[in-house]
Protein backbone atom coordinates (compact mmCIF):
# COMPACT_ATOMS: atom_id res chain seq x y z
CA MET A 1 -24.38 -75.67 23.12
CA SER A 2 -24.22 -73.66 26.29
CA LEU A 3 -20.95 -73.51 28.12
CA PRO A 4 -20.53 -75.85 31.09
CA SER A 5 -19.75 -74.31 34.44
CA LEU A 6 -16.28 -74.36 35.87
CA ALA A 7 -17.44 -76.70 38.63
CA GLU A 8 -18.79 -79.19 36.07
CA VAL A 9 -15.47 -79.22 34.22
CA GLU A 10 -13.49 -79.61 37.44
CA HIS A 11 -15.50 -82.64 38.61
CA ALA A 12 -16.19 -84.28 35.20
CA ASP A 13 -14.90 -87.84 34.68
CA TRP A 14 -12.83 -88.77 31.66
CA PRO A 15 -15.69 -89.85 29.30
CA THR A 16 -17.69 -86.73 30.19
CA LEU A 17 -14.62 -84.56 29.61
CA GLN A 18 -14.08 -86.08 26.16
CA ARG A 19 -17.74 -85.47 25.32
CA ILE A 20 -17.40 -81.82 26.39
CA CYS A 21 -14.33 -81.47 24.17
CA ALA A 22 -16.23 -82.88 21.22
CA ASP A 23 -19.16 -80.52 21.79
CA LEU A 24 -16.81 -77.51 22.03
CA ASP A 25 -14.70 -78.57 19.01
CA LEU A 26 -11.60 -78.96 21.18
CA ASN A 27 -8.81 -81.51 20.85
CA PRO A 28 -9.67 -84.43 23.21
CA LYS A 29 -6.24 -86.00 22.94
CA GLY A 30 -3.68 -85.86 25.75
CA ARG A 31 -3.53 -86.55 29.41
CA SER A 32 -6.65 -85.92 31.44
CA GLY A 33 -5.08 -82.99 33.32
CA LEU A 34 -4.00 -81.30 30.08
CA VAL A 35 -7.42 -81.79 28.47
CA ARG A 36 -9.17 -80.48 31.59
CA THR A 37 -6.97 -77.34 31.59
CA ARG A 38 -7.69 -76.85 27.88
CA VAL A 39 -11.44 -76.96 28.52
CA LEU A 40 -11.23 -74.64 31.58
CA ASP A 41 -9.28 -72.01 29.62
CA HIS A 42 -11.84 -72.17 26.82
CA VAL A 43 -14.72 -71.75 29.24
CA ARG A 44 -13.08 -68.86 31.12
CA ARG A 45 -12.40 -66.96 27.88
CA ARG A 46 -16.00 -67.25 26.69
CA MET A 47 -18.08 -67.08 29.81
CA ARG A 48 -19.64 -63.73 30.77
CA ALA A 49 -18.73 -62.18 34.09
CA PRO A 50 -21.73 -61.61 36.33
CA PRO A 51 -22.71 -57.94 36.58
CA TRP A 52 -21.37 -56.24 39.68
CA ARG A 53 -23.84 -54.82 42.11
CA ALA A 54 -22.94 -52.88 45.21
CA ALA A 55 -23.80 -54.60 48.45
CA PRO A 56 -26.18 -52.82 50.88
CA GLU A 57 -23.28 -51.87 53.18
CA HIS A 58 -21.43 -50.31 50.24
CA GLN A 59 -24.52 -48.38 49.20
CA ALA A 60 -25.06 -47.20 52.79
CA ALA A 61 -21.49 -45.91 53.14
CA LEU A 62 -21.79 -44.07 49.82
CA LEU A 63 -25.12 -42.52 50.78
CA THR A 64 -23.63 -41.26 54.05
CA ARG A 65 -20.80 -39.57 52.20
CA LEU A 66 -23.21 -38.04 49.66
CA GLY A 67 -25.28 -36.48 52.43
CA PHE A 68 -28.28 -38.85 52.66
CA PRO A 69 -27.88 -40.29 56.18
CA ASP A 70 -31.55 -41.25 56.59
CA ALA A 71 -31.46 -43.53 53.55
CA ALA A 72 -28.12 -44.95 54.72
CA THR A 73 -29.55 -45.73 58.16
CA GLY A 74 -32.23 -47.95 56.65
CA LEU A 75 -29.66 -49.91 54.66
CA TRP A 76 -27.40 -50.36 57.69
CA GLU A 77 -30.32 -51.75 59.69
CA ARG A 78 -30.70 -54.49 57.08
CA VAL A 79 -27.12 -55.73 57.38
CA ILE A 80 -26.50 -55.30 61.13
CA ARG A 81 -25.49 -58.50 62.91
CA LEU A 82 -24.73 -59.11 66.55
CA ASP A 83 -21.31 -60.61 65.84
CA ALA A 84 -19.97 -58.02 63.32
CA PRO A 85 -18.78 -54.59 64.54
CA ALA A 86 -18.33 -52.92 61.11
CA PRO A 87 -22.08 -52.43 60.39
CA TRP A 88 -22.51 -50.89 63.83
CA VAL A 89 -19.76 -48.38 63.04
CA GLY A 90 -21.39 -47.52 59.72
CA TYR A 91 -24.79 -47.24 61.37
CA GLY A 92 -23.34 -44.88 64.00
CA ALA A 93 -21.66 -42.74 61.34
CA ALA A 94 -24.99 -42.37 59.51
CA ARG A 95 -26.76 -41.45 62.75
CA LEU A 96 -24.04 -38.91 63.57
CA ALA A 97 -24.36 -37.35 60.10
CA ALA A 98 -28.11 -37.04 60.71
CA GLY A 99 -27.46 -35.19 63.98
CA GLU A 100 -28.64 -38.03 66.23
CA VAL A 101 -25.65 -37.99 68.56
CA GLU A 102 -27.13 -40.18 71.29
CA GLU A 103 -28.01 -43.03 68.91
CA ALA A 104 -24.61 -42.71 67.22
CA THR A 105 -22.83 -43.01 70.55
CA LYS A 106 -24.79 -46.15 71.42
CA ALA A 107 -23.86 -47.74 68.08
CA PHE A 108 -20.17 -46.94 68.57
CA ASP A 109 -20.34 -48.34 72.10
CA ARG A 110 -21.70 -51.60 70.72
CA ALA A 111 -18.89 -51.80 68.16
CA ALA A 112 -16.29 -51.00 70.84
CA GLN A 113 -17.65 -53.80 73.01
CA MET A 114 -16.91 -56.13 70.09
CA ARG A 115 -13.25 -55.03 70.33
CA ASP A 116 -13.26 -52.84 67.26
CA ALA A 117 -10.48 -50.33 67.98
CA VAL A 118 -11.57 -47.82 65.32
CA ALA A 119 -14.96 -47.53 67.02
CA HIS A 120 -13.24 -45.67 69.88
CA LEU A 121 -12.26 -42.86 67.51
CA TYR A 122 -15.77 -42.60 66.09
CA ARG A 123 -17.10 -42.60 69.63
CA ALA A 124 -14.69 -39.78 70.52
CA GLU A 125 -16.03 -37.69 67.63
CA ALA A 126 -19.62 -38.33 68.72
CA LEU A 127 -18.87 -37.40 72.33
CA GLY A 128 -17.02 -34.28 71.18
CA ALA A 129 -20.04 -33.24 69.11
CA ARG A 130 -22.19 -33.73 72.24
CA GLY A 131 -19.82 -31.56 74.28
CA ASP A 132 -18.46 -34.36 76.47
CA LEU A 133 -14.78 -33.51 76.00
CA VAL A 134 -13.58 -35.64 78.91
CA GLY A 135 -15.30 -38.70 77.47
CA ALA A 136 -13.92 -37.93 74.03
CA ILE A 137 -10.38 -37.73 75.41
CA ARG A 138 -10.83 -41.04 77.21
CA SER A 139 -12.02 -42.67 73.98
CA CYS A 140 -8.90 -41.39 72.23
CA ASP A 141 -6.78 -42.84 75.02
CA ALA A 142 -8.56 -46.18 74.66
CA TYR A 143 -7.61 -46.29 71.00
CA LEU A 144 -4.05 -45.07 71.63
CA GLU A 145 -3.41 -47.97 74.02
CA GLY A 146 -2.95 -50.23 71.01
CA ASN A 147 -1.89 -47.56 68.51
CA LEU A 148 0.42 -45.27 70.44
CA ALA A 149 1.62 -43.10 67.53
CA ASP A 150 -1.55 -43.01 65.43
CA LEU A 151 -1.71 -39.64 63.71
CA ARG A 152 -5.48 -39.28 63.62
CA ALA A 153 -5.96 -40.21 67.26
CA LEU A 154 -3.23 -37.82 68.44
CA ALA A 155 -4.67 -34.96 66.40
CA LEU A 156 -8.18 -35.61 67.75
CA LYS A 157 -6.97 -35.74 71.33
CA ALA A 158 -4.99 -32.51 70.95
CA GLY A 159 -8.06 -30.82 69.49
CA PHE A 160 -10.32 -31.92 72.34
CA LEU A 161 -7.75 -30.79 74.91
CA SER A 162 -7.54 -27.40 73.22
CA ARG A 163 -11.32 -27.02 73.18
CA GLY A 164 -11.41 -27.78 76.89
CA GLY A 165 -8.80 -25.13 77.66
CA TRP A 166 -6.02 -27.57 78.58
CA LEU A 167 -3.37 -25.89 76.42
CA ASP A 168 -0.33 -27.39 78.14
CA GLU A 169 -1.67 -30.93 77.72
CA SER A 170 -2.56 -30.23 74.09
CA ILE A 171 0.95 -28.90 73.45
CA ALA A 172 2.46 -32.02 75.04
CA VAL A 173 0.39 -34.30 72.77
CA LEU A 174 1.37 -32.32 69.66
CA GLU A 175 5.04 -32.36 70.64
CA PHE A 176 4.87 -36.15 70.91
CA ALA A 177 3.08 -36.29 67.55
CA THR A 178 5.78 -34.18 65.86
CA GLU A 179 8.44 -36.50 67.24
CA ALA A 180 6.57 -39.54 65.89
CA HIS A 181 5.73 -37.89 62.54
CA PRO A 182 8.35 -35.15 61.92
CA GLY A 183 7.49 -34.80 58.24
CA VAL A 184 3.85 -33.74 58.67
CA SER A 185 3.58 -29.96 58.29
CA ASP A 186 0.03 -29.81 59.72
CA LEU A 187 1.31 -31.09 63.07
CA TRP A 188 3.99 -28.41 63.27
CA ARG A 189 1.46 -25.75 62.31
CA GLY A 190 -0.98 -26.96 64.94
CA LEU A 191 1.79 -26.98 67.55
CA GLY A 192 2.73 -23.43 66.61
CA VAL A 193 -0.86 -22.23 66.94
CA MET A 194 -1.20 -23.86 70.37
CA LEU A 195 2.04 -22.26 71.51
CA LEU A 196 0.76 -18.89 70.28
CA LYS A 197 -2.41 -19.32 72.32
CA ALA A 198 -0.24 -20.08 75.34
CA ARG A 199 1.76 -16.83 74.74
CA ARG A 200 4.96 -18.79 74.05
CA THR A 201 5.94 -16.80 70.99
CA LYS A 202 9.54 -17.94 70.50
CA PRO A 203 8.91 -21.73 70.39
CA ALA A 204 5.78 -20.97 68.37
CA ALA A 205 7.89 -19.20 65.76
CA ASP A 206 10.31 -22.16 65.64
CA ALA A 207 7.48 -24.66 65.11
CA LEU A 208 5.81 -22.53 62.43
CA ARG A 209 9.13 -22.03 60.64
CA LYS A 210 9.50 -25.83 60.41
CA ALA A 211 5.96 -26.08 59.02
CA ALA A 212 6.80 -23.48 56.36
CA LYS A 213 9.93 -25.42 55.37
CA LEU A 214 7.99 -28.65 54.99
CA ASP A 215 5.23 -27.06 52.89
CA ALA A 216 6.36 -24.40 50.43
CA SER A 217 2.75 -23.46 49.58
CA ASP A 218 1.56 -23.06 53.16
CA VAL A 219 -0.01 -19.59 53.33
CA PRO A 220 -1.72 -19.96 56.76
CA GLY A 221 1.54 -21.22 58.25
CA ARG A 222 3.41 -18.14 57.08
CA LEU A 223 0.68 -15.88 58.43
CA ASN A 224 0.90 -17.53 61.83
CA LEU A 225 4.68 -17.30 61.69
CA GLY A 226 4.43 -13.57 61.01
CA SER A 227 2.08 -13.15 63.97
CA ALA A 228 4.47 -15.03 66.24
CA LEU A 229 7.40 -12.88 65.11
CA LEU A 230 5.38 -9.68 65.50
CA LEU A 231 4.29 -10.61 69.02
CA SER A 232 7.87 -11.48 69.96
CA GLY A 233 9.04 -7.98 68.96
CA ARG A 234 10.55 -8.78 65.56
CA PRO A 235 8.44 -6.71 63.11
CA LYS A 236 11.04 -6.80 60.31
CA ASP A 237 11.06 -10.61 60.26
CA ALA A 238 7.26 -10.58 60.47
CA ILE A 239 7.08 -8.33 57.40
CA GLY A 240 9.26 -10.81 55.51
CA SER A 241 6.92 -13.68 56.44
CA TYR A 242 3.84 -11.73 55.38
CA ARG A 243 5.48 -10.86 52.08
CA GLU A 244 6.21 -14.55 51.44
CA ALA A 245 2.52 -15.28 52.03
CA LEU A 246 1.55 -12.53 49.57
CA GLU A 247 3.91 -13.96 46.96
CA LEU A 248 1.91 -17.18 47.15
CA ASP A 249 -1.47 -15.38 47.22
CA PRO A 250 -1.24 -11.66 46.25
CA SER A 251 -4.87 -10.93 47.17
CA HIS A 252 -4.88 -12.63 50.57
CA VAL A 253 -6.81 -10.20 52.78
CA GLU A 254 -5.44 -11.35 56.14
CA ALA A 255 -1.85 -11.11 54.88
CA LEU A 256 -2.45 -7.54 53.63
CA ASN A 257 -4.04 -6.52 56.93
CA ASN A 258 -1.28 -8.07 59.05
CA LEU A 259 1.40 -6.53 56.86
CA GLY A 260 -0.20 -3.11 57.36
CA VAL A 261 -0.24 -3.63 61.13
CA ALA A 262 3.43 -4.66 61.07
CA TYR A 263 4.38 -1.52 59.14
CA LEU A 264 2.33 0.57 61.58
CA SER A 265 4.24 -0.91 64.53
CA MET A 266 7.45 0.31 62.87
CA GLY A 267 6.04 3.79 62.26
CA GLN A 268 5.97 3.45 58.45
CA LEU A 269 2.55 5.02 57.96
CA LYS A 270 2.64 5.22 54.16
CA SER A 271 3.32 1.49 53.69
CA ALA A 272 0.77 0.66 56.37
CA LEU A 273 -1.93 2.70 54.65
CA VAL A 274 -1.22 1.18 51.24
CA ASN A 275 -1.65 -2.41 52.49
CA LEU A 276 -4.64 -1.67 54.71
CA GLU A 277 -6.43 0.13 51.88
CA ARG A 278 -5.81 -2.86 49.59
CA ALA A 279 -7.21 -5.20 52.23
CA ALA A 280 -10.29 -3.00 52.76
CA LYS A 281 -10.97 -2.97 49.00
CA HIS A 282 -11.13 -6.76 48.91
CA VAL A 283 -13.24 -7.26 52.05
CA GLU A 284 -15.03 -4.65 54.16
CA ALA A 285 -14.41 -6.38 57.47
CA PRO A 286 -14.82 -4.26 60.64
CA ALA A 287 -11.42 -5.35 62.02
CA ILE A 288 -9.61 -4.27 58.83
CA LEU A 289 -11.52 -0.98 58.62
CA LEU A 290 -10.74 -0.27 62.26
CA ASN A 291 -7.01 -0.72 61.62
CA LEU A 292 -7.32 1.54 58.59
CA ALA A 293 -9.19 4.23 60.56
CA LYS A 294 -6.62 4.20 63.36
CA THR A 295 -3.77 4.50 60.88
CA GLU A 296 -5.53 7.35 59.07
CA GLU A 297 -6.06 9.09 62.39
CA ILE A 298 -2.40 8.69 63.36
CA ALA A 299 -1.42 10.09 59.96
CA LYS A 300 -3.70 13.11 60.70
CA ARG A 301 -5.94 12.38 57.74
CA ARG A 302 -9.17 13.35 59.48
CA ARG A 303 -11.59 12.99 56.58
CA GLU A 304 -10.31 9.57 55.54
CA ALA A 305 -10.39 8.31 59.14
CA LEU A 306 -13.96 9.57 59.57
CA LYS A 307 -15.02 7.78 56.36
CA ALA A 308 -13.48 4.54 57.62
CA TYR A 309 -15.39 4.81 60.91
CA GLU A 310 -18.60 5.47 58.96
CA ARG A 311 -18.01 2.34 56.88
CA ILE A 312 -17.64 0.30 60.06
CA LEU A 313 -20.91 1.66 61.45
CA ARG A 314 -22.75 0.79 58.23
CA ILE A 315 -21.70 -2.83 58.73
CA ARG A 316 -21.92 -2.93 62.52
CA PRO A 317 -24.06 -0.01 63.80
CA LYS A 318 -23.35 -0.70 67.50
CA ASP A 319 -19.57 -0.90 67.27
CA ALA A 320 -18.32 1.01 70.32
CA ARG A 321 -14.84 1.76 68.97
CA ALA A 322 -16.19 3.12 65.71
CA LYS A 323 -18.70 5.27 67.58
CA ALA A 324 -15.96 6.67 69.80
CA GLY A 325 -13.77 7.41 66.78
CA ARG A 326 -16.57 9.17 64.93
CA LYS A 327 -17.44 11.21 68.00
CA ARG A 328 -13.79 12.12 68.42
CA LEU A 329 -13.45 13.32 64.84
CA ALA A 330 -16.92 14.66 64.04
CA GLY A 331 -16.64 17.73 66.31
CA ARG A 332 -15.08 21.05 65.31
CA PRO A 333 -11.34 20.72 64.93
CA LYS A 334 -9.29 22.36 67.61
CA PRO A 335 -7.66 25.62 66.44
CA SER A 336 -3.94 25.58 66.02
CA ALA A 337 -1.62 27.65 68.25
CA ARG A 338 -0.88 30.10 65.42
CA THR A 339 -4.60 30.73 64.80
CA THR A 340 -5.22 31.25 68.51
CA LYS A 341 -2.43 33.83 68.77
CA ALA A 342 -3.74 35.70 65.73
CA ARG A 343 -7.24 35.83 67.21
CA LYS A 344 -5.90 37.16 70.49
CA ARG A 345 -3.82 39.85 68.83
CA THR A 346 -6.48 41.13 66.43
CA PRO A 347 -8.95 42.49 69.04
CA ARG A 348 -6.16 44.23 70.90
CA ARG A 349 -5.06 46.13 67.79
CA ARG A 350 -8.63 47.14 67.04
CA ARG A 351 -9.23 48.39 70.56
CA LYS A 352 -5.99 50.33 70.47
CA THR A 353 -6.84 51.94 67.13
CA THR A 354 -10.30 52.87 68.31
CA SER A 355 -9.02 54.48 71.45
CA THR A 356 -6.45 56.50 69.50
CA ARG A 357 -9.11 57.83 67.15
CA ASP A 358 -11.32 58.85 70.04
CA ALA A 359 -8.44 60.60 71.71
CA SER A 360 -7.58 62.52 68.52
CA ARG A 361 -11.19 63.63 68.14
CA LYS A 362 -11.21 64.93 71.67
CA ARG A 363 -8.03 66.85 71.12
CA ARG A 364 -9.36 68.64 68.05
CA LYS A 365 -10.51 72.14 68.83
CA PRO A 366 -13.88 73.19 67.54
CA ARG A 367 -13.83 75.69 64.70
CA LYS A 368 -14.91 79.23 65.47
CA SER A 369 -18.05 80.31 63.82
CA GLN A 370 -17.59 83.30 61.60
């Protein structure tokens, strides 16, 4: 006998319930509620669960994440309704992933009109991708009206302000975000970077130091901290920060380059050359090679500096600084003062010797012929 459905057991009368118990070889004795529970437990244990199948909206969201926005768009169009904002948000995200910014913005606008607060953030991202930074900031503000300390919205707004060149406003937003979320190291790092861009090196160093304390494995934070300390005239502290970054990642090219620059600022040419050469071995970047060439030139290692300039010109043939350095070093080296004095003295001695010999020849009397 096939199992009855749960609805049939729930609504069966007493004679039908006893018949079901007899068919299933269950005990039909007891109160009706107890017998009904006995039958329901038996049916639940033996009935097969229906196979799960992802709904179209679930498939569409997954396809968008996997990088198939066109296929996701077709699925979203099947489930869009005029009274549900969520499909409009998904449809806009698929359109945005496909590069159709205008259509994505329209979809997010429709969801925002349905009072979906998250749609304002998606709309801000779409407007930012279109280059409308003012509109993106306004969309962030619309979301922040009901979610004043939302981390994502504050970070987006600070980023849009920074892209628009409003550094002071971006710093103010990040300072508020760090007060609302003091344990997030990314916020402190972002605040430090903004302060560095605004040439406020001391508060930048304080913010980046807090980021380094919160995240012991933060290599970029320690690099930015070293840059802030170096710009504020504290090269020794900057060297310590760069060394901490190299302890976490010994082959980090930017840390090696910055450490070499810090040593160069202190006049320690040998240490500067060691770190810059290590950085240039890992990556032949023009900026690193230029630092290496300048250091070689300061150390009066003409051949090595000329080779570094040549390496830059192989990568970037029109680099003006490398051309100037090669032109400066490719000519004949200027003679030293000692060589110049020797050259000046030598002709004088020869002229004097020659004149003395001529005078002695004139003084000699001719022999008488016998």
